[in-house]
Amino acid sequence: MIPSPCHRSGSTKDGQRAQTRPCPRPGCGREVPICRYRYETLRQIGLPLFRVARYVEWCGHGQELIPVPDEGGWVRMVPVIGTAK
């Protein structure tokens, strides 16, 4: 399922609540929205596709995601889980 675009409030443009997932930080347990972005938006801010992007989730914990192209000019943010050996 493709996540909806969402605003800082955690809701989509049409006022629906965005899908959520638990924060990846062990012990946090807070829900964070799953957002997707237009490719053009990420290009304008200099975020390349298929490279690890680091940012702070709404709960205050760091998160690593990889922007992956999706249908219709959208980009899906795929969480990085675990470490490479």
PDB file of N, CA and C in Angstrom:
ATOM      1  N   MET A   1       0.838  -1.183   0.000  1.00  0.00           N
ATOM      2  CA  MET A   1       0.000   0.000   0.000  1.00  0.00           C
ATOM      3  C   MET A   1       0.881   1.244   0.000  1.00  0.00           C
ATOM      4  N   ILE A   2       0.516   2.224  -0.789  1.00  0.00           N
ATOM      5  CA  ILE A   2       1.284   3.456  -0.893  1.00  0.00           C
ATOM      6  C   ILE A   2       0.790   4.440   0.151  1.00  0.00           C
ATOM      7  N   PRO A   3       1.699   4.964   0.992  1.00  0.00           N
ATOM      8  CA  PRO A   3       1.276   5.937   1.991  1.00  0.00           C
ATOM      9  C   PRO A   3       0.798   7.219   1.328  1.00  0.00           C
ATOM     10  N   SER A   4      -0.048   7.944   2.005  1.00  0.00           N
ATOM     11  CA  SER A   4      -0.541   9.220   1.499  1.00  0.00           C
ATOM     12  C   SER A   4       0.468  10.318   1.786  1.00  0.00           C
ATOM     13  N   PRO A   5       0.423  11.404   0.985  1.00  0.00           N
ATOM     14  CA  PRO A   5       1.236  12.556   1.366  1.00  0.00           C
ATOM     15  C   PRO A   5       0.662  13.093   2.675  1.00  0.00           C
ATOM     16  N   CYS A   6       1.481  13.639   3.536  1.00  0.00           N
ATOM     17  CA  CYS A   6       0.939  14.142   4.791  1.00  0.00           C
ATOM     18  C   CYS A   6       1.594  15.455   5.175  1.00  0.00           C
ATOM     19  N   HIS A   7       0.902  16.174   6.025  1.00  0.00           N
ATOM     20  CA  HIS A   7       1.364  17.454   6.526  1.00  0.00           C
ATOM     21  C   HIS A   7       1.985  17.247   7.897  1.00  0.00           C
ATOM     22  N   ARG A   8       2.580  18.288   8.421  1.00  0.00           N
ATOM     23  CA  ARG A   8       3.228  18.215   9.726  1.00  0.00           C
ATOM     24  C   ARG A   8       2.248  17.745  10.811  1.00  0.00           C
ATOM     25  N   SER A   9       0.975  17.991  10.634  1.00  0.00           N
ATOM     26  CA  SER A   9      -0.016  17.587  11.627  1.00  0.00           C
ATOM     27  C   SER A   9      -0.248  16.079  11.647  1.00  0.00           C
ATOM     28  N   GLY A  10       0.255  15.367  10.605  1.00  0.00           N
ATOM     29  CA  GLY A  10       0.043  13.929  10.536  1.00  0.00           C
ATOM     30  C   GLY A  10      -1.220  13.566   9.788  1.00  0.00           C
ATOM     31  N   SER A  11      -1.825  14.562   9.129  1.00  0.00           N
ATOM     32  CA  SER A  11      -3.016  14.281   8.344  1.00  0.00           C
ATOM     33  C   SER A  11      -2.718  14.491   6.864  1.00  0.00           C
ATOM     34  N   THR A  12      -3.532  13.887   6.012  1.00  0.00           N
ATOM     35  CA  THR A  12      -3.354  14.036   4.569  1.00  0.00           C
ATOM     36  C   THR A  12      -4.022  15.324   4.117  1.00  0.00           C
ATOM     37  N   LYS A  13      -3.848  15.663   2.832  1.00  0.00           N
ATOM     38  CA  LYS A  13      -4.418  16.887   2.295  1.00  0.00           C
ATOM     39  C   LYS A  13      -5.938  16.933   2.437  1.00  0.00           C
ATOM     40  N   ASP A  14      -6.590  15.770   2.373  1.00  0.00           N
ATOM     41  CA  ASP A  14      -8.047  15.757   2.470  1.00  0.00           C
ATOM     42  C   ASP A  14      -8.546  15.608   3.909  1.00  0.00           C
ATOM     43  N   GLY A  15      -7.652  15.769   4.882  1.00  0.00           N
ATOM     44  CA  GLY A  15      -8.039  15.740   6.290  1.00  0.00           C
ATOM     45  C   GLY A  15      -8.060  14.365   6.933  1.00  0.00           C
ATOM     46  N   GLN A  16      -7.769  13.312   6.165  1.00  0.00           N
ATOM     47  CA  GLN A  16      -7.719  11.961   6.720  1.00  0.00           C
ATOM     48  C   GLN A  16      -6.437  11.785   7.539  1.00  0.00           C
ATOM     49  N   ARG A  17      -6.480  10.932   8.533  1.00  0.00           N
ATOM     50  CA  ARG A  17      -5.275  10.633   9.321  1.00  0.00           C
ATOM     51  C   ARG A  17      -4.344   9.768   8.479  1.00  0.00           C
ATOM     52  N   ALA A  18      -3.073  10.125   8.429  1.00  0.00           N
ATOM     53  CA  ALA A  18      -2.089   9.362   7.660  1.00  0.00           C
ATOM     54  C   ALA A  18      -1.824   8.016   8.341  1.00  0.00           C
ATOM     55  N   GLN A  19      -1.406   7.022   7.532  1.00  0.00           N
ATOM     56  CA  GLN A  19      -0.999   5.740   8.106  1.00  0.00           C
ATOM     57  C   GLN A  19       0.197   5.979   9.020  1.00  0.00           C
ATOM     58  N   THR A  20       0.349   5.148  10.032  1.00  0.00           N
ATOM     59  CA  THR A  20       1.459   5.308  10.965  1.00  0.00           C
ATOM     60  C   THR A  20       2.197   3.990  11.136  1.00  0.00           C
ATOM     61  N   ARG A  21       3.379   4.084  11.732  1.00  0.00           N
ATOM     62  CA  ARG A  21       4.168   2.929  12.123  1.00  0.00           C
ATOM     63  C   ARG A  21       4.860   3.294  13.416  1.00  0.00           C
ATOM     64  N   PRO A  22       5.289   2.316  14.204  1.00  0.00           N
ATOM     65  CA  PRO A  22       5.960   2.641  15.464  1.00  0.00           C
ATOM     66  C   PRO A  22       7.344   3.232  15.206  1.00  0.00           C
ATOM     67  N   CYS A  23       7.773   4.103  16.087  1.00  0.00           N
ATOM     68  CA  CYS A  23       9.129   4.655  16.019  1.00  0.00           C
ATOM     69  C   CYS A  23      10.123   3.495  16.093  1.00  0.00           C
ATOM     70  N   PRO A  24      11.192   3.535  15.281  1.00  0.00           N
ATOM     71  CA  PRO A  24      12.154   2.429  15.292  1.00  0.00           C
ATOM     72  C   PRO A  24      13.035   2.380  16.534  1.00  0.00           C
ATOM     73  N   ARG A  25      13.050   3.432  17.344  1.00  0.00           N
ATOM     74  CA  ARG A  25      13.882   3.442  18.544  1.00  0.00           C
ATOM     75  C   ARG A  25      13.287   2.504  19.575  1.00  0.00           C
ATOM     76  N   PRO A  26      14.050   1.489  20.028  1.00  0.00           N
ATOM     77  CA  PRO A  26      13.528   0.557  21.036  1.00  0.00           C
ATOM     78  C   PRO A  26      13.052   1.302  22.287  1.00  0.00           C
ATOM     79  N   GLY A  27      11.869   0.941  22.735  1.00  0.00           N
ATOM     80  CA  GLY A  27      11.324   1.527  23.940  1.00  0.00           C
ATOM     81  C   GLY A  27      10.502   2.789  23.735  1.00  0.00           C
ATOM     82  N   CYS A  28      10.547   3.397  22.547  1.00  0.00           N
ATOM     83  CA  CYS A  28       9.793   4.628  22.318  1.00  0.00           C
ATOM     84  C   CYS A  28       8.309   4.309  22.192  1.00  0.00           C
ATOM     85  N   GLY A  29       7.950   3.518  21.170  1.00  0.00           N
ATOM     86  CA  GLY A  29       6.566   3.102  21.001  1.00  0.00           C
ATOM     87  C   GLY A  29       5.629   4.142  20.424  1.00  0.00           C
ATOM     88  N   ARG A  30       6.081   5.387  20.213  1.00  0.00           N
ATOM     89  CA  ARG A  30       5.200   6.399  19.641  1.00  0.00           C
ATOM     90  C   ARG A  30       4.963   6.118  18.172  1.00  0.00           C
ATOM     91  N   GLU A  31       3.794   6.475  17.697  1.00  0.00           N
ATOM     92  CA  GLU A  31       3.445   6.286  16.293  1.00  0.00           C
ATOM     93  C   GLU A  31       3.921   7.498  15.491  1.00  0.00           C
ATOM     94  N   VAL A  32       4.536   7.239  14.335  1.00  0.00           N
ATOM     95  CA  VAL A  32       4.963   8.311  13.437  1.00  0.00           C
ATOM     96  C   VAL A  32       4.269   8.106  12.094  1.00  0.00           C
ATOM     97  N   PRO A  33       3.855   9.184  11.432  1.00  0.00           N
ATOM     98  CA  PRO A  33       3.141   9.037  10.165  1.00  0.00           C
ATOM     99  C   PRO A  33       4.049   8.521   9.058  1.00  0.00           C
ATOM    100  N   ILE A  34       3.488   7.744   8.142  1.00  0.00           N
ATOM    101  CA  ILE A  34       4.201   7.290   6.953  1.00  0.00           C
ATOM    102  C   ILE A  34       3.828   8.260   5.841  1.00  0.00           C
ATOM    103  N   CYS A  35       4.805   9.007   5.381  1.00  0.00           N
ATOM    104  CA  CYS A  35       4.545  10.027   4.373  1.00  0.00           C
ATOM    105  C   CYS A  35       5.187   9.646   3.045  1.00  0.00           C
ATOM    106  N   ARG A  36       4.693  10.239   1.987  1.00  0.00           N
ATOM    107  CA  ARG A  36       5.339  10.109   0.694  1.00  0.00           C
ATOM    108  C   ARG A  36       5.430  11.517   0.121  1.00  0.00           C
ATOM    109  N   TYR A  37       6.335  11.695  -0.812  1.00  0.00           N
ATOM    110  CA  TYR A  37       6.632  13.016  -1.338  1.00  0.00           C
ATOM    111  C   TYR A  37       6.679  12.987  -2.859  1.00  0.00           C
ATOM    112  N   ARG A  38       6.461  14.118  -3.469  1.00  0.00           N
ATOM    113  CA  ARG A  38       6.609  14.251  -4.908  1.00  0.00           C
ATOM    114  C   ARG A  38       8.100  14.246  -5.221  1.00  0.00           C
ATOM    115  N   TYR A  39       8.488  13.585  -6.319  1.00  0.00           N
ATOM    116  CA  TYR A  39       9.887  13.543  -6.724  1.00  0.00           C
ATOM    117  C   TYR A  39      10.429  14.952  -6.911  1.00  0.00           C
ATOM    118  N   GLU A  40       9.642  15.810  -7.511  1.00  0.00           N
ATOM    119  CA  GLU A  40      10.073  17.183  -7.772  1.00  0.00           C
ATOM    120  C   GLU A  40      10.442  17.915  -6.479  1.00  0.00           C
ATOM    121  N   THR A  41       9.693  17.682  -5.423  1.00  0.00           N
ATOM    122  CA  THR A  41       9.978  18.319  -4.134  1.00  0.00           C
ATOM    123  C   THR A  41      11.328  17.863  -3.595  1.00  0.00           C
ATOM    124  N   LEU A  42      11.585  16.563  -3.626  1.00  0.00           N
ATOM    125  CA  LEU A  42      12.861  16.046  -3.120  1.00  0.00           C
ATOM    126  C   LEU A  42      14.034  16.522  -3.984  1.00  0.00           C
ATOM    127  N   ARG A  43      13.820  16.595  -5.293  1.00  0.00           N
ATOM    128  CA  ARG A  43      14.867  17.079  -6.183  1.00  0.00           C
ATOM    129  C   ARG A  43      15.221  18.530  -5.857  1.00  0.00           C
ATOM    130  N   GLN A  44      14.203  19.353  -5.578  1.00  0.00           N
ATOM    131  CA  GLN A  44      14.437  20.763  -5.282  1.00  0.00           C
ATOM    132  C   GLN A  44      15.227  20.965  -3.994  1.00  0.00           C
ATOM    133  N   ILE A  45      15.052  20.083  -3.013  1.00  0.00           N
ATOM    134  CA  ILE A  45      15.812  20.228  -1.766  1.00  0.00           C
ATOM    135  C   ILE A  45      17.128  19.458  -1.796  1.00  0.00           C
ATOM    136  N   GLY A  46      17.424  18.808  -2.933  1.00  0.00           N
ATOM    137  CA  GLY A  46      18.712  18.134  -3.096  1.00  0.00           C
ATOM    138  C   GLY A  46      18.803  16.752  -2.497  1.00  0.00           C
ATOM    139  N   LEU A  47      17.687  16.081  -2.300  1.00  0.00           N
ATOM    140  CA  LEU A  47      17.700  14.730  -1.745  1.00  0.00           C
ATOM    141  C   LEU A  47      17.697  13.716  -2.885  1.00  0.00           C
ATOM    142  N   PRO A  48      18.827  13.031  -3.123  1.00  0.00           N
ATOM    143  CA  PRO A  48      18.897  12.082  -4.233  1.00  0.00           C
ATOM    144  C   PRO A  48      18.169  10.778  -3.929  1.00  0.00           C
ATOM    145  N   LEU A  49      17.701  10.128  -4.978  1.00  0.00           N
ATOM    146  CA  LEU A  49      17.061   8.826  -4.836  1.00  0.00           C
ATOM    147  C   LEU A  49      18.100   7.762  -4.491  1.00  0.00           C
ATOM    148  N   PHE A  50      17.683   6.716  -3.834  1.00  0.00           N
ATOM    149  CA  PHE A  50      18.491   5.537  -3.510  1.00  0.00           C
ATOM    150  C   PHE A  50      19.697   5.833  -2.614  1.00  0.00           C
ATOM    151  N   ARG A  51      19.702   6.944  -1.923  1.00  0.00           N
ATOM    152  CA  ARG A  51      20.758   7.264  -0.960  1.00  0.00           C
ATOM    153  C   ARG A  51      20.124   7.409   0.408  1.00  0.00           C
ATOM    154  N   VAL A  52      20.825   6.977   1.433  1.00  0.00           N
ATOM    155  CA  VAL A  52      20.287   7.051   2.789  1.00  0.00           C
ATOM    156  C   VAL A  52      20.081   8.511   3.184  1.00  0.00           C
ATOM    157  N   ALA A  53      18.881   8.819   3.625  1.00  0.00           N
ATOM    158  CA  ALA A  53      18.542  10.152   4.127  1.00  0.00           C
ATOM    159  C   ALA A  53      18.323  10.036   5.631  1.00  0.00           C
ATOM    160  N   ARG A  54      18.924  10.921   6.378  1.00  0.00           N
ATOM    161  CA  ARG A  54      18.779  10.905   7.830  1.00  0.00           C
ATOM    162  C   ARG A  54      17.986  12.129   8.270  1.00  0.00           C
ATOM    163  N   TYR A  55      17.030  11.909   9.173  1.00  0.00           N
ATOM    164  CA  TYR A  55      16.272  13.018   9.723  1.00  0.00           C
ATOM    165  C   TYR A  55      15.718  12.619  11.077  1.00  0.00           C
ATOM    166  N   VAL A  56      15.120  13.574  11.759  1.00  0.00           N
ATOM    167  CA  VAL A  56      14.565  13.327  13.087  1.00  0.00           C
ATOM    168  C   VAL A  56      13.054  13.170  12.959  1.00  0.00           C
ATOM    169  N   GLU A  57      12.518  12.051  13.492  1.00  0.00           N
ATOM    170  CA  GLU A  57      11.083  11.798  13.482  1.00  0.00           C
ATOM    171  C   GLU A  57      10.385  12.771  14.412  1.00  0.00           C
ATOM    172  N   TRP A  58       9.068  12.811  14.352  1.00  0.00           N
ATOM    173  CA  TRP A  58       8.275  13.728  15.157  1.00  0.00           C
ATOM    174  C   TRP A  58       8.406  13.452  16.641  1.00  0.00           C
ATOM    175  N   CYS A  59       8.785  12.238  17.013  1.00  0.00           N
ATOM    176  CA  CYS A  59       8.941  11.904  18.429  1.00  0.00           C
ATOM    177  C   CYS A  59      10.315  12.331  18.950  1.00  0.00           C
ATOM    178  N   GLY A  60      11.192  12.837  18.050  1.00  0.00           N
ATOM    179  CA  GLY A  60      12.498  13.321  18.470  1.00  0.00           C
ATOM    180  C   GLY A  60      13.635  12.336  18.247  1.00  0.00           C
ATOM    181  N   HIS A  61      13.362  11.135  17.740  1.00  0.00           N
ATOM    182  CA  HIS A  61      14.396  10.139  17.497  1.00  0.00           C
ATOM    183  C   HIS A  61      14.839  10.150  16.039  1.00  0.00           C
ATOM    184  N   GLY A  62      16.120   9.890  15.822  1.00  0.00           N
ATOM    185  CA  GLY A  62      16.666   9.849  14.470  1.00  0.00           C
ATOM    186  C   GLY A  62      16.127   8.674  13.671  1.00  0.00           C
ATOM    187  N   GLN A  63      16.054   8.852  12.369  1.00  0.00           N
ATOM    188  CA  GLN A  63      15.539   7.825  11.461  1.00  0.00           C
ATOM    189  C   GLN A  63      16.354   7.865  10.181  1.00  0.00           C
ATOM    190  N   GLU A  64      16.600   6.715   9.598  1.00  0.00           N
ATOM    191  CA  GLU A  64      17.261   6.625   8.299  1.00  0.00           C
ATOM    192  C   GLU A  64      16.290   5.998   7.307  1.00  0.00           C
ATOM    193  N   LEU A  65      16.137   6.653   6.152  1.00  0.00           N
ATOM    194  CA  LEU A  65      15.226   6.197   5.111  1.00  0.00           C
ATOM    195  C   LEU A  65      15.921   6.284   3.761  1.00  0.00           C
ATOM    196  N   ILE A  66      15.460   5.476   2.827  1.00  0.00           N
ATOM    197  CA  ILE A  66      15.977   5.529   1.457  1.00  0.00           C
ATOM    198  C   ILE A  66      14.824   5.932   0.547  1.00  0.00           C
ATOM    199  N   PRO A  67      14.951   7.071  -0.167  1.00  0.00           N
ATOM    200  CA  PRO A  67      13.906   7.483  -1.104  1.00  0.00           C
ATOM    201  C   PRO A  67      13.918   6.583  -2.345  1.00  0.00           C
ATOM    202  N   VAL A  68      12.778   5.962  -2.633  1.00  0.00           N
ATOM    203  CA  VAL A  68      12.639   5.039  -3.760  1.00  0.00           C
ATOM    204  C   VAL A  68      11.478   5.518  -4.632  1.00  0.00           C
ATOM    205  N   PRO A  69      11.683   5.607  -5.967  1.00  0.00           N
ATOM    206  CA  PRO A  69      10.599   6.070  -6.833  1.00  0.00           C
ATOM    207  C   PRO A  69       9.379   5.160  -6.749  1.00  0.00           C
ATOM    208  N   ASP A  70       8.225   5.783  -6.824  1.00  0.00           N
ATOM    209  CA  ASP A  70       6.954   5.071  -6.822  1.00  0.00           C
ATOM    210  C   ASP A  70       6.175   5.553  -8.043  1.00  0.00           C
ATOM    211  N   GLU A  71       5.001   5.053  -8.240  1.00  0.00           N
ATOM    212  CA  GLU A  71       4.228   5.405  -9.427  1.00  0.00           C
ATOM    213  C   GLU A  71       3.747   6.859  -9.400  1.00  0.00           C
ATOM    214  N   GLY A  72       3.540   7.415 -10.580  1.00  0.00           N
ATOM    215  CA  GLY A  72       2.941   8.736 -10.713  1.00  0.00           C
ATOM    216  C   GLY A  72       3.789   9.900 -10.246  1.00  0.00           C
ATOM    217  N   GLY A  73       5.117   9.768 -10.228  1.00  0.00           N
ATOM    218  CA  GLY A  73       5.971  10.868  -9.812  1.00  0.00           C
ATOM    219  C   GLY A  73       6.137  11.016  -8.309  1.00  0.00           C
ATOM    220  N   TRP A  74       5.681  10.024  -7.561  1.00  0.00           N
ATOM    221  CA  TRP A  74       5.826  10.040  -6.106  1.00  0.00           C
ATOM    222  C   TRP A  74       7.075   9.274  -5.690  1.00  0.00           C
ATOM    223  N   VAL A  75       7.547   9.556  -4.483  1.00  0.00           N
ATOM    224  CA  VAL A  75       8.698   8.867  -3.898  1.00  0.00           C
ATOM    225  C   VAL A  75       8.259   8.286  -2.563  1.00  0.00           C
ATOM    226  N   ARG A  76       8.556   7.020  -2.371  1.00  0.00           N
ATOM    227  CA  ARG A  76       8.247   6.312  -1.124  1.00  0.00           C
ATOM    228  C   ARG A  76       9.513   6.310  -0.279  1.00  0.00           C
ATOM    229  N   MET A  77       9.391   6.563   1.014  1.00  0.00           N
ATOM    230  CA  MET A  77      10.531   6.574   1.926  1.00  0.00           C
ATOM    231  C   MET A  77      10.586   5.222   2.639  1.00  0.00           C
ATOM    232  N   VAL A  78      11.587   4.400   2.302  1.00  0.00           N
ATOM    233  CA  VAL A  78      11.717   3.047   2.838  1.00  0.00           C
ATOM    234  C   VAL A  78      12.667   3.069   4.033  1.00  0.00           C
ATOM    235  N   PRO A  79      12.223   2.637   5.225  1.00  0.00           N
ATOM    236  CA  PRO A  79      13.091   2.655   6.402  1.00  0.00           C
ATOM    237  C   PRO A  79      14.275   1.698   6.261  1.00  0.00           C
ATOM    238  N   VAL A  80      15.414   2.130   6.784  1.00  0.00           N
ATOM    239  CA  VAL A  80      16.602   1.275   6.852  1.00  0.00           C
ATOM    240  C   VAL A  80      16.485   0.502   8.151  1.00  0.00           C
ATOM    241  N   ILE A  81      16.532  -0.836   8.051  1.00  0.00           N
ATOM    242  CA  ILE A  81      16.382  -1.688   9.223  1.00  0.00           C
ATOM    243  C   ILE A  81      17.661  -2.478   9.419  1.00  0.00           C
ATOM    244  N   GLY A  82      18.222  -2.414  10.608  1.00  0.00           N
ATOM    245  CA  GLY A  82      19.433  -3.167  10.906  1.00  0.00           C
ATOM    246  C   GLY A  82      20.676  -2.550  10.289  1.00  0.00           C
ATOM    247  N   THR A  83      21.771  -3.313  10.267  1.00  0.00           N
ATOM    248  CA  THR A  83      23.024  -2.834   9.713  1.00  0.00           C
ATOM    249  C   THR A  83      23.575  -3.849   8.725  1.00  0.00           C
ATOM    250  N   ALA A  84      24.332  -3.363   7.768  1.00  0.00           N
ATOM    251  CA  ALA A  84      24.969  -4.233   6.779  1.00  0.00           C
ATOM    252  C   ALA A  84      26.227  -4.839   7.368  1.00  0.00           C
ATOM    253  N   LYS A  85      26.553  -6.054   6.960  1.00  0.00           N
ATOM    254  CA  LYS A  85      27.778  -6.697   7.470  1.00  0.00           C
ATOM    255  C   LYS A  85      28.735  -6.912   6.342  1.00  0.00           C
TER     256      LYS A  85
END
